[in-house]
């Protein structure tokens, strides 16, 4: 079973991203769970940051969100769980070549 990375509104997105990237490197998938708008915001930012971290390893990830009911201190709450998985390898896009400006017949301006 995959461990669930729980995110709160106060979580540092870079720290969560590091945790996501570490789990992905080891297990090739991760679960990220958040309750509340602030926590969901931090979770999404962390997934985007983790994608950047994993691109350095040649991995690309995707995520699928789902609603889940969880028990928090005896109270049932609705959370959003993001299933994060390796999509494939990452190949950086080619850098476009800068066009060479056409030659001009105008003389160079004086210094």
PDB file of N, CA and C in Angstrom:
ATOM      1  N   UNK A   1       0.840  -1.184   0.000  1.00  0.00           N
ATOM      2  CA  UNK A   1       0.000   0.000   0.000  1.00  0.00           C
ATOM      3  C   UNK A   1       0.883   1.246   0.000  1.00  0.00           C
ATOM      4  N   UNK A   2       0.449   2.238  -0.714  1.00  0.00           N
ATOM      5  CA  UNK A   2       1.190   3.487  -0.825  1.00  0.00           C
ATOM      6  C   UNK A   2       0.877   4.364   0.384  1.00  0.00           C
ATOM      7  N   UNK A   3       1.912   4.944   1.000  1.00  0.00           N
ATOM      8  CA  UNK A   3       1.694   5.895   2.089  1.00  0.00           C
ATOM      9  C   UNK A   3       1.084   7.169   1.518  1.00  0.00           C
ATOM     10  N   UNK A   4       0.224   7.800   2.295  1.00  0.00           N
ATOM     11  CA  UNK A   4      -0.423   9.036   1.867  1.00  0.00           C
ATOM     12  C   UNK A   4       0.332  10.230   2.432  1.00  0.00           C
ATOM     13  N   UNK A   5       0.703  11.158   1.565  1.00  0.00           N
ATOM     14  CA  UNK A   5       1.347  12.403   1.982  1.00  0.00           C
ATOM     15  C   UNK A   5       0.222  13.383   2.287  1.00  0.00           C
ATOM     16  N   UNK A   6       0.103  13.773   3.557  1.00  0.00           N
ATOM     17  CA  UNK A   6      -0.981  14.665   3.969  1.00  0.00           C
ATOM     18  C   UNK A   6      -0.480  16.105   3.975  1.00  0.00           C
ATOM     19  N   UNK A   7      -1.260  16.975   3.347  1.00  0.00           N
ATOM     20  CA  UNK A   7      -0.874  18.374   3.170  1.00  0.00           C
ATOM     21  C   UNK A   7      -1.871  19.266   3.905  1.00  0.00           C
ATOM     22  N   UNK A   8      -1.361  20.262   4.605  1.00  0.00           N
ATOM     23  CA  UNK A   8      -2.229  21.254   5.248  1.00  0.00           C
ATOM     24  C   UNK A   8      -2.001  22.606   4.581  1.00  0.00           C
ATOM     25  N   UNK A   9      -2.826  23.559   4.928  1.00  0.00           N
ATOM     26  CA  UNK A   9      -2.673  24.906   4.372  1.00  0.00           C
ATOM     27  C   UNK A   9      -1.357  25.533   4.803  1.00  0.00           C
ATOM     28  N   UNK A  10      -0.797  25.077   5.919  1.00  0.00           N
ATOM     29  CA  UNK A  10       0.459  25.626   6.426  1.00  0.00           C
ATOM     30  C   UNK A  10       1.690  24.871   5.932  1.00  0.00           C
ATOM     31  N   UNK A  11       1.496  23.805   5.149  1.00  0.00           N
ATOM     32  CA  UNK A  11       2.629  23.037   4.628  1.00  0.00           C
ATOM     33  C   UNK A  11       3.449  23.885   3.664  1.00  0.00           C
ATOM     34  N   UNK A  12       4.772  23.734   3.732  1.00  0.00           N
ATOM     35  CA  UNK A  12       5.638  24.405   2.755  1.00  0.00           C
ATOM     36  C   UNK A  12       5.607  23.582   1.474  1.00  0.00           C
ATOM     37  N   UNK A  13       5.225  24.206   0.372  1.00  0.00           N
ATOM     38  CA  UNK A  13       5.065  23.475  -0.882  1.00  0.00           C
ATOM     39  C   UNK A  13       6.368  22.835  -1.345  1.00  0.00           C
ATOM     40  N   UNK A  14       7.516  23.475  -1.088  1.00  0.00           N
ATOM     41  CA  UNK A  14       8.790  22.880  -1.510  1.00  0.00           C
ATOM     42  C   UNK A  14       9.123  21.634  -0.693  1.00  0.00           C
ATOM     43  N   UNK A  15       8.768  21.634   0.595  1.00  0.00           N
ATOM     44  CA  UNK A  15       9.009  20.452   1.430  1.00  0.00           C
ATOM     45  C   UNK A  15       8.117  19.293   0.983  1.00  0.00           C
ATOM     46  N   UNK A  16       6.854  19.589   0.695  1.00  0.00           N
ATOM     47  CA  UNK A  16       5.939  18.558   0.212  1.00  0.00           C
ATOM     48  C   UNK A  16       6.413  18.046  -1.147  1.00  0.00           C
ATOM     49  N   UNK A  17       6.884  18.947  -1.996  1.00  0.00           N
ATOM     50  CA  UNK A  17       7.393  18.553  -3.318  1.00  0.00           C
ATOM     51  C   UNK A  17       8.565  17.588  -3.178  1.00  0.00           C
ATOM     52  N   UNK A  18       9.452  17.861  -2.236  1.00  0.00           N
ATOM     53  CA  UNK A  18      10.577  16.956  -2.002  1.00  0.00           C
ATOM     54  C   UNK A  18      10.103  15.584  -1.561  1.00  0.00           C
ATOM     55  N   UNK A  19       9.083  15.548  -0.703  1.00  0.00           N
ATOM     56  CA  UNK A  19       8.528  14.270  -0.258  1.00  0.00           C
ATOM     57  C   UNK A  19       7.893  13.520  -1.429  1.00  0.00           C
ATOM     58  N   UNK A  20       7.143  14.226  -2.253  1.00  0.00           N
ATOM     59  CA  UNK A  20       6.512  13.602  -3.422  1.00  0.00           C
ATOM     60  C   UNK A  20       7.580  13.037  -4.348  1.00  0.00           C
ATOM     61  N   UNK A  21       8.592  13.838  -4.653  1.00  0.00           N
ATOM     62  CA  UNK A  21       9.652  13.390  -5.563  1.00  0.00           C
ATOM     63  C   UNK A  21      10.367  12.165  -4.998  1.00  0.00           C
ATOM     64  N   UNK A  22      10.626  12.160  -3.690  1.00  0.00           N
ATOM     65  CA  UNK A  22      11.292  11.016  -3.074  1.00  0.00           C
ATOM     66  C   UNK A  22      10.475   9.740  -3.187  1.00  0.00           C
ATOM     67  N   UNK A  23       9.172   9.839  -2.922  1.00  0.00           N
ATOM     68  CA  UNK A  23       8.301   8.666  -3.023  1.00  0.00           C
ATOM     69  C   UNK A  23       8.206   8.204  -4.473  1.00  0.00           C
ATOM     70  N   UNK A  24       8.080   9.138  -5.402  1.00  0.00           N
ATOM     71  CA  UNK A  24       7.994   8.777  -6.827  1.00  0.00           C
ATOM     72  C   UNK A  24       9.266   8.060  -7.268  1.00  0.00           C
ATOM     73  N   UNK A  25      10.430   8.555  -6.856  1.00  0.00           N
ATOM     74  CA  UNK A  25      11.693   7.912  -7.237  1.00  0.00           C
ATOM     75  C   UNK A  25      11.754   6.473  -6.730  1.00  0.00           C
ATOM     76  N   UNK A  26      11.234   6.234  -5.526  1.00  0.00           N
ATOM     77  CA  UNK A  26      11.290   4.901  -4.930  1.00  0.00           C
ATOM     78  C   UNK A  26      10.180   3.980  -5.421  1.00  0.00           C
ATOM     79  N   UNK A  27       8.942   4.494  -5.482  1.00  0.00           N
ATOM     80  CA  UNK A  27       7.792   3.627  -5.727  1.00  0.00           C
ATOM     81  C   UNK A  27       7.094   3.860  -7.061  1.00  0.00           C
ATOM     82  N   UNK A  28       7.466   4.923  -7.773  1.00  0.00           N
ATOM     83  CA  UNK A  28       6.867   5.284  -9.069  1.00  0.00           C
ATOM     84  C   UNK A  28       5.436   5.787  -8.967  1.00  0.00           C
ATOM     85  N   UNK A  29       4.886   5.914  -7.741  1.00  0.00           N
ATOM     86  CA  UNK A  29       3.574   6.539  -7.564  1.00  0.00           C
ATOM     87  C   UNK A  29       3.461   7.050  -6.136  1.00  0.00           C
ATOM     88  N   UNK A  30       2.537   7.987  -5.931  1.00  0.00           N
ATOM     89  CA  UNK A  30       2.337   8.576  -4.609  1.00  0.00           C
ATOM     90  C   UNK A  30       0.893   9.029  -4.478  1.00  0.00           C
ATOM     91  N   UNK A  31       0.448   9.154  -3.228  1.00  0.00           N
ATOM     92  CA  UNK A  31      -0.868   9.712  -2.932  1.00  0.00           C
ATOM     93  C   UNK A  31      -0.662  10.970  -2.108  1.00  0.00           C
ATOM     94  N   UNK A  32      -1.307  12.046  -2.528  1.00  0.00           N
ATOM     95  CA  UNK A  32      -1.227  13.315  -1.812  1.00  0.00           C
ATOM     96  C   UNK A  32      -2.654  13.687  -1.423  1.00  0.00           C
ATOM     97  N   UNK A  33      -2.868  13.965  -0.139  1.00  0.00           N
ATOM     98  CA  UNK A  33      -4.224  14.225   0.354  1.00  0.00           C
ATOM     99  C   UNK A  33      -4.313  15.590   1.011  1.00  0.00           C
ATOM    100  N   UNK A  34      -5.414  16.291   0.744  1.00  0.00           N
ATOM    101  CA  UNK A  34      -5.616  17.630   1.298  1.00  0.00           C
ATOM    102  C   UNK A  34      -7.081  17.828   1.659  1.00  0.00           C
ATOM    103  N   UNK A  35      -7.306  18.554   2.765  1.00  0.00           N
ATOM    104  CA  UNK A  35      -8.660  18.916   3.183  1.00  0.00           C
ATOM    105  C   UNK A  35      -8.711  20.435   3.282  1.00  0.00           C
ATOM    106  N   UNK A  36      -9.577  21.057   2.499  1.00  0.00           N
ATOM    107  CA  UNK A  36      -9.720  22.507   2.521  1.00  0.00           C
ATOM    108  C   UNK A  36      -9.006  23.172   1.360  1.00  0.00           C
ATOM    109  N   UNK A  37      -9.484  24.359   1.022  1.00  0.00           N
ATOM    110  CA  UNK A  37      -8.970  25.083  -0.146  1.00  0.00           C
ATOM    111  C   UNK A  37      -7.490  25.418  -0.019  1.00  0.00           C
ATOM    112  N   UNK A  38      -7.059  25.885   1.146  1.00  0.00           N
ATOM    113  CA  UNK A  38      -5.653  26.239   1.332  1.00  0.00           C
ATOM    114  C   UNK A  38      -4.742  25.038   1.195  1.00  0.00           C
ATOM    115  N   UNK A  39      -5.178  23.909   1.732  1.00  0.00           N
ATOM    116  CA  UNK A  39      -4.380  22.685   1.639  1.00  0.00           C
ATOM    117  C   UNK A  39      -4.319  22.178   0.198  1.00  0.00           C
ATOM    118  N   UNK A  40      -5.447  22.264  -0.508  1.00  0.00           N
ATOM    119  CA  UNK A  40      -5.465  21.844  -1.918  1.00  0.00           C
ATOM    120  C   UNK A  40      -4.528  22.731  -2.733  1.00  0.00           C
ATOM    121  N   UNK A  41      -4.522  24.019  -2.458  1.00  0.00           N
ATOM    122  CA  UNK A  41      -3.623  24.943  -3.144  1.00  0.00           C
ATOM    123  C   UNK A  41      -2.164  24.533  -2.928  1.00  0.00           C
ATOM    124  N   UNK A  42      -1.795  24.263  -1.690  1.00  0.00           N
ATOM    125  CA  UNK A  42      -0.418  23.865  -1.390  1.00  0.00           C
ATOM    126  C   UNK A  42      -0.080  22.535  -2.057  1.00  0.00           C
ATOM    127  N   UNK A  43      -1.035  21.611  -2.093  1.00  0.00           N
ATOM    128  CA  UNK A  43      -0.799  20.305  -2.710  1.00  0.00           C
ATOM    129  C   UNK A  43      -0.544  20.440  -4.209  1.00  0.00           C
ATOM    130  N   UNK A  44      -1.359  21.243  -4.878  1.00  0.00           N
ATOM    131  CA  UNK A  44      -1.183  21.434  -6.325  1.00  0.00           C
ATOM    132  C   UNK A  44       0.154  22.094  -6.624  1.00  0.00           C
ATOM    133  N   UNK A  45       0.513  23.111  -5.843  1.00  0.00           N
ATOM    134  CA  UNK A  45       1.818  23.760  -6.042  1.00  0.00           C
ATOM    135  C   UNK A  45       2.937  22.753  -5.826  1.00  0.00           C
ATOM    136  N   UNK A  46       2.806  21.908  -4.810  1.00  0.00           N
ATOM    137  CA  UNK A  46       3.843  20.914  -4.522  1.00  0.00           C
ATOM    138  C   UNK A  46       3.983  19.909  -5.657  1.00  0.00           C
ATOM    139  N   UNK A  47       2.879  19.490  -6.240  1.00  0.00           N
ATOM    140  CA  UNK A  47       2.940  18.542  -7.359  1.00  0.00           C
ATOM    141  C   UNK A  47       3.645  19.186  -8.551  1.00  0.00           C
ATOM    142  N   UNK A  48       3.336  20.448  -8.823  1.00  0.00           N
ATOM    143  CA  UNK A  48       4.005  21.154  -9.927  1.00  0.00           C
ATOM    144  C   UNK A  48       5.504  21.293  -9.665  1.00  0.00           C
ATOM    145  N   UNK A  49       5.876  21.617  -8.435  1.00  0.00           N
ATOM    146  CA  UNK A  49       7.295  21.747  -8.090  1.00  0.00           C
ATOM    147  C   UNK A  49       7.983  20.389  -8.178  1.00  0.00           C
ATOM    148  N   UNK A  50       7.320  19.341  -7.688  1.00  0.00           N
ATOM    149  CA  UNK A  50       7.890  17.990  -7.752  1.00  0.00           C
ATOM    150  C   UNK A  50       8.127  17.571  -9.196  1.00  0.00           C
ATOM    151  N   UNK A  51       7.241  17.980 -10.081  1.00  0.00           N
ATOM    152  CA  UNK A  51       7.429  17.657 -11.504  1.00  0.00           C
ATOM    153  C   UNK A  51       8.746  18.238 -12.002  1.00  0.00           C
ATOM    154  N   UNK A  52       9.046  19.467 -11.588  1.00  0.00           N
ATOM    155  CA  UNK A  52      10.323  20.075 -11.958  1.00  0.00           C
ATOM    156  C   UNK A  52      11.499  19.320 -11.374  1.00  0.00           C
ATOM    157  N   UNK A  53      11.392  18.910 -10.098  1.00  0.00           N
ATOM    158  CA  UNK A  53      12.469  18.136  -9.478  1.00  0.00           C
ATOM    159  C   UNK A  53      12.709  16.833 -10.235  1.00  0.00           C
ATOM    160  N   UNK A  54      11.632  16.165 -10.618  1.00  0.00           N
ATOM    161  CA  UNK A  54      11.753  14.855 -11.260  1.00  0.00           C
ATOM    162  C   UNK A  54      12.210  14.953 -12.708  1.00  0.00           C
ATOM    163  N   UNK A  55      11.995  16.098 -13.345  1.00  0.00           N
ATOM    164  CA  UNK A  55      12.484  16.265 -14.715  1.00  0.00           C
ATOM    165  C   UNK A  55      13.999  16.161 -14.753  1.00  0.00           C
ATOM    166  N   UNK A  56      14.658  16.579 -13.676  1.00  0.00           N
ATOM    167  CA  UNK A  56      16.118  16.448 -13.612  1.00  0.00           C
ATOM    168  C   UNK A  56      16.546  14.989 -13.620  1.00  0.00           C
ATOM    169  N   UNK A  57      15.642  14.084 -13.221  1.00  0.00           N
ATOM    170  CA  UNK A  57      15.912  12.643 -13.241  1.00  0.00           C
ATOM    171  C   UNK A  57      15.377  11.992 -14.512  1.00  0.00           C
ATOM    172  N   UNK A  58      14.819  12.787 -15.414  1.00  0.00           N
ATOM    173  CA  UNK A  58      14.276  12.252 -16.657  1.00  0.00           C
ATOM    174  C   UNK A  58      12.889  11.649 -16.503  1.00  0.00           C
ATOM    175  N   UNK A  59      12.181  11.958 -15.392  1.00  0.00           N
ATOM    176  CA  UNK A  59      10.843  11.413 -15.169  1.00  0.00           C
ATOM    177  C   UNK A  59       9.796  12.503 -15.347  1.00  0.00           C
ATOM    178  N   UNK A  60       8.642  12.119 -15.903  1.00  0.00           N
ATOM    179  CA  UNK A  60       7.514  13.037 -16.010  1.00  0.00           C
ATOM    180  C   UNK A  60       6.358  12.428 -15.231  1.00  0.00           C
ATOM    181  N   UNK A  61       5.591  13.256 -14.538  1.00  0.00           N
ATOM    182  CA  UNK A  61       4.477  12.754 -13.734  1.00  0.00           C
ATOM    183  C   UNK A  61       3.167  13.383 -14.170  1.00  0.00           C
ATOM    184  N   UNK A  62       2.082  12.761 -13.786  1.00  0.00           N
ATOM    185  CA  UNK A  62       0.736  13.279 -13.976  1.00  0.00           C
ATOM    186  C   UNK A  62      -0.028  12.993 -12.699  1.00  0.00           C
ATOM    187  N   UNK A  63      -1.160  13.636 -12.517  1.00  0.00           N
ATOM    188  CA  UNK A  63      -1.959  13.343 -11.326  1.00  0.00           C
ATOM    189  C   UNK A  63      -3.439  13.302 -11.677  1.00  0.00           C
ATOM    190  N   UNK A  64      -4.167  12.512 -10.895  1.00  0.00           N
ATOM    191  CA  UNK A  64      -5.615  12.401 -11.043  1.00  0.00           C
ATOM    192  C   UNK A  64      -6.246  12.683  -9.684  1.00  0.00           C
ATOM    193  N   UNK A  65      -7.105  13.707  -9.590  1.00  0.00           N
ATOM    194  CA  UNK A  65      -7.751  14.013  -8.314  1.00  0.00           C
ATOM    195  C   UNK A  65      -9.016  13.180  -8.107  1.00  0.00           C
ATOM    196  N   UNK A  66      -9.322  12.912  -6.845  1.00  0.00           N
ATOM    197  CA  UNK A  66     -10.569  12.220  -6.514  1.00  0.00           C
ATOM    198  C   UNK A  66     -11.023  12.656  -5.130  1.00  0.00           C
ATOM    199  N   UNK A  67     -12.318  12.632  -4.903  1.00  0.00           N
ATOM    200  CA  UNK A  67     -12.856  12.921  -3.580  1.00  0.00           C
ATOM    201  C   UNK A  67     -12.851  11.636  -2.767  1.00  0.00           C
ATOM    202  N   UNK A  68     -12.462  11.748  -1.495  1.00  0.00           N
ATOM    203  CA  UNK A  68     -12.502  10.608  -0.582  1.00  0.00           C
ATOM    204  C   UNK A  68     -13.053  11.080   0.758  1.00  0.00           C
ATOM    205  N   UNK A  69     -13.714  10.187   1.456  1.00  0.00           N
ATOM    206  CA  UNK A  69     -14.206  10.464   2.805  1.00  0.00           C
ATOM    207  C   UNK A  69     -13.165   9.934   3.785  1.00  0.00           C
ATOM    208  N   UNK A  70     -12.727  10.776   4.705  1.00  0.00           N
ATOM    209  CA  UNK A  70     -11.716  10.379   5.685  1.00  0.00           C
ATOM    210  C   UNK A  70     -12.217  10.696   7.090  1.00  0.00           C
ATOM    211  N   UNK A  71     -11.705   9.944   8.056  1.00  0.00           N
ATOM    212  CA  UNK A  71     -12.057  10.162   9.453  1.00  0.00           C
ATOM    213  C   UNK A  71     -10.997  11.046  10.091  1.00  0.00           C
ATOM    214  N   UNK A  72     -11.413  12.190  10.604  1.00  0.00           N
ATOM    215  CA  UNK A  72     -10.506  13.108  11.293  1.00  0.00           C
ATOM    216  C   UNK A  72     -11.054  13.307  12.701  1.00  0.00           C
ATOM    217  N   UNK A  73     -10.367  12.738  13.672  1.00  0.00           N
ATOM    218  CA  UNK A  73     -10.784  12.851  15.086  1.00  0.00           C
ATOM    219  C   UNK A  73     -12.236  12.426  15.290  1.00  0.00           C
ATOM    220  N   UNK A  74     -12.618  11.321  14.662  1.00  0.00           N
ATOM    221  CA  UNK A  74     -13.971  10.803  14.811  1.00  0.00           C
ATOM    222  C   UNK A  74     -15.021  11.494  13.968  1.00  0.00           C
ATOM    223  N   UNK A  75     -14.614  12.456  13.167  1.00  0.00           N
ATOM    224  CA  UNK A  75     -15.537  13.199  12.304  1.00  0.00           C
ATOM    225  C   UNK A  75     -15.222  12.877  10.849  1.00  0.00           C
ATOM    226  N   UNK A  76     -16.255  12.607  10.060  1.00  0.00           N
ATOM    227  CA  UNK A  76     -16.044  12.305   8.649  1.00  0.00           C
ATOM    228  C   UNK A  76     -15.914  13.600   7.860  1.00  0.00           C
ATOM    229  N   UNK A  77     -14.831  13.691   7.089  1.00  0.00           N
ATOM    230  CA  UNK A  77     -14.555  14.884   6.275  1.00  0.00           C
ATOM    231  C   UNK A  77     -14.331  14.450   4.828  1.00  0.00           C
ATOM    232  N   UNK A  78     -14.578  15.352   3.914  1.00  0.00           N
ATOM    233  CA  UNK A  78     -14.290  15.103   2.502  1.00  0.00           C
ATOM    234  C   UNK A  78     -12.928  15.691   2.186  1.00  0.00           C
ATOM    235  N   UNK A  79     -12.073  14.862   1.623  1.00  0.00           N
ATOM    236  CA  UNK A  79     -10.732  15.294   1.235  1.00  0.00           C
ATOM    237  C   UNK A  79     -10.584  15.122  -0.266  1.00  0.00           C
ATOM    238  N   UNK A  80      -9.589  15.774  -0.812  1.00  0.00           N
ATOM    239  CA  UNK A  80      -9.204  15.521  -2.201  1.00  0.00           C
ATOM    240  C   UNK A  80      -7.893  14.760  -2.151  1.00  0.00           C
ATOM    241  N   UNK A  81      -7.868  13.629  -2.831  1.00  0.00           N
ATOM    242  CA  UNK A  81      -6.655  12.819  -2.914  1.00  0.00           C
ATOM    243  C   UNK A  81      -6.166  12.863  -4.360  1.00  0.00           C
ATOM    244  N   UNK A  82      -4.905  13.185  -4.510  1.00  0.00           N
ATOM    245  CA  UNK A  82      -4.278  13.225  -5.829  1.00  0.00           C
ATOM    246  C   UNK A  82      -3.434  11.971  -5.989  1.00  0.00           C
ATOM    247  N   UNK A  83      -3.764  11.175  -6.990  1.00  0.00           N
ATOM    248  CA  UNK A  83      -2.953  10.010  -7.310  1.00  0.00           C
ATOM    249  C   UNK A  83      -1.888  10.500  -8.292  1.00  0.00           C
ATOM    250  N   UNK A  84      -0.633  10.447  -7.880  1.00  0.00           N
ATOM    251  CA  UNK A  84       0.475  10.945  -8.691  1.00  0.00           C
ATOM    252  C   UNK A  84       1.235   9.739  -9.210  1.00  0.00           C
ATOM    253  N   UNK A  85       1.480   9.717 -10.503  1.00  0.00           N
ATOM    254  CA  UNK A  85       2.098   8.553 -11.130  1.00  0.00           C
ATOM    255  C   UNK A  85       3.106   9.000 -12.180  1.00  0.00           C
ATOM    256  N   UNK A  86       4.070   8.136 -12.458  1.00  0.00           N
ATOM    257  CA  UNK A  86       5.032   8.419 -13.525  1.00  0.00           C
ATOM    258  C   UNK A  86       4.320   8.236 -14.854  1.00  0.00           C
ATOM    259  N   UNK A  87       4.403   9.249 -15.692  1.00  0.00           N
ATOM    260  CA  UNK A  87       3.779   9.190 -17.018  1.00  0.00           C
ATOM    261  C   UNK A  87       4.756   8.643 -18.040  1.00  0.00           C
ATOM    262  N   UNK A  88       6.015   8.880 -17.847  1.00  0.00           N
ATOM    263  CA  UNK A  88       7.037   8.433 -18.785  1.00  0.00           C
ATOM    264  C   UNK A  88       8.309   9.201 -18.539  1.00  0.00           C
ATOM    265  N   UNK A  89       9.121   9.243 -19.548  1.00  0.00           N
ATOM    266  CA  UNK A  89      10.376   9.976 -19.420  1.00  0.00           C
ATOM    267  C   UNK A  89      10.186  11.390 -19.932  1.00  0.00           C
ATOM    268  N   UNK A  90      11.027  12.260 -19.452  1.00  0.00           N
ATOM    269  CA  UNK A  90      10.941  13.667 -19.828  1.00  0.00           C
ATOM    270  C   UNK A  90      12.088  14.002 -20.756  1.00  0.00           C
ATOM    271  N   UNK A  91      11.756  14.593 -21.880  1.00  0.00           N
ATOM    272  CA  UNK A  91      12.758  15.109 -22.798  1.00  0.00           C
ATOM    273  C   UNK A  91      12.535  16.604 -22.895  1.00  0.00           C
ATOM    274  N   UNK A  92      13.539  17.398 -22.510  1.00  0.00           N
ATOM    275  CA  UNK A  92      13.332  18.847 -22.569  1.00  0.00           C
ATOM    276  C   UNK A  92      13.075  19.306 -23.997  1.00  0.00           C
ATOM    277  N   UNK A  93      12.212  20.285 -24.175  1.00  0.00           N
ATOM    278  CA  UNK A  93      11.942  20.781 -25.525  1.00  0.00           C
ATOM    279  C   UNK A  93      13.187  21.436 -26.113  1.00  0.00           C
ATOM    280  N   UNK A  94      13.307  21.316 -27.422  1.00  0.00           N
ATOM    281  CA  UNK A  94      14.441  21.943 -28.102  1.00  0.00           C
ATOM    282  C   UNK A  94      14.299  23.454 -28.027  1.00  0.00           C
ATOM    283  N   UNK A  95      15.421  24.116 -27.838  1.00  0.00           N
ATOM    284  CA  UNK A  95      15.397  25.578 -27.800  1.00  0.00           C
ATOM    285  C   UNK A  95      15.299  26.097 -29.226  1.00  0.00           C
ATOM    286  N   UNK A  96      14.349  26.983 -29.478  1.00  0.00           N
ATOM    287  CA  UNK A  96      14.218  27.507 -30.838  1.00  0.00           C
ATOM    288  C   UNK A  96      15.421  28.384 -31.188  1.00  0.00           C
ATOM    289  N   UNK A  97      15.807  28.305 -32.443  1.00  0.00           N
ATOM    290  CA  UNK A  97      16.918  29.142 -32.899  1.00  0.00           C
ATOM    291  C   UNK A  97      16.422  30.565 -33.091  1.00  0.00           C
ATOM    292  N   UNK A  98      17.260  31.492 -32.711  1.00  0.00           N
ATOM    293  CA  UNK A  98      16.923  32.899 -32.896  1.00  0.00           C
ATOM    294  C   UNK A  98      17.180  33.258 -34.355  1.00  0.00           C
ATOM    295  N   UNK A  99      16.215  33.880 -35.011  1.00  0.00           N
ATOM    296  CA  UNK A  99      16.425  34.247 -36.415  1.00  0.00           C
ATOM    297  C   UNK A  99      17.495  35.333 -36.533  1.00  0.00           C
ATOM    298  N   UNK A 100      18.258  35.234 -37.595  1.00  0.00           N
ATOM    299  CA  UNK A 100      19.278  36.245 -37.865  1.00  0.00           C
ATOM    300  C   UNK A 100      18.603  37.431 -38.533  1.00  0.00           C
ATOM    301  N   UNK A 101      18.843  38.636 -38.029  1.00  0.00           N
ATOM    302  CA  UNK A 101      18.197  39.797 -38.656  1.00  0.00           C
ATOM    303  C   UNK A 101      18.735  39.999 -40.074  1.00  0.00           C
ATOM    304  N   UNK A 102      17.880  40.464 -40.970  1.00  0.00           N
ATOM    305  CA  UNK A 102      18.338  40.682 -42.348  1.00  0.00           C
ATOM    306  C   UNK A 102      19.344  41.833 -42.394  1.00  0.00           C
ATOM    307  N   UNK A 103      20.268  41.774 -43.349  1.00  0.00           N
ATOM    308  CA  UNK A 103      21.243  42.868 -43.465  1.00  0.00           C
ATOM    309  C   UNK A 103      20.544  44.151 -43.906  1.00  0.00           C
ATOM    310  N   UNK A 104      21.082  45.257 -43.472  1.00  0.00           N
ATOM    311  CA  UNK A 104      20.521  46.554 -43.868  1.00  0.00           C
ATOM    312  C   UNK A 104      21.549  47.302 -44.706  1.00  0.00           C
ATOM    313  N   UNK A 105      21.055  48.180 -45.571  1.00  0.00           N
ATOM    314  CA  UNK A 105      21.939  48.990 -46.409  1.00  0.00           C
ATOM    315  C   UNK A 105      22.271  50.311 -45.738  1.00  0.00           C
ATOM    316  N   UNK A 106      21.728  50.528 -44.556  1.00  0.00           N
ATOM    317  CA  UNK A 106      21.956  51.794 -43.868  1.00  0.00           C
ATOM    318  C   UNK A 106      23.335  51.787 -43.215  1.00  0.00           C
ATOM    319  N   UNK A 107      24.009  52.937 -43.265  1.00  0.00           N
ATOM    320  CA  UNK A 107      25.321  53.006 -42.611  1.00  0.00           C
ATOM    321  C   UNK A 107      25.152  52.969 -41.089  1.00  0.00           C
ATOM    322  N   UNK A 108      26.177  52.521 -40.426  1.00  0.00           N
ATOM    323  CA  UNK A 108      26.156  52.464 -38.963  1.00  0.00           C
ATOM    324  C   UNK A 108      26.089  53.871 -38.402  1.00  0.00           C
ATOM    325  N   UNK A 109      25.379  54.086 -37.298  1.00  0.00           N
ATOM    326  CA  UNK A 109      25.294  55.433 -36.709  1.00  0.00           C
ATOM    327  C   UNK A 109      26.660  55.860 -36.175  1.00  0.00           C
ATOM    328  N   UNK A 110      26.943  57.156 -36.216  1.00  0.00           N
ATOM    329  CA  UNK A 110      28.236  57.628 -35.706  1.00  0.00           C
ATOM    330  C   UNK A 110      28.296  57.471 -34.187  1.00  0.00           C
ATOM    331  N   UNK A 111      29.498  57.314 -33.685  1.00  0.00           N
ATOM    332  CA  UNK A 111      29.697  57.146 -32.234  1.00  0.00           C
ATOM    333  C   UNK A 111      29.538  58.414 -31.487  1.00  0.00           C
TER     334      UNK A 111
END
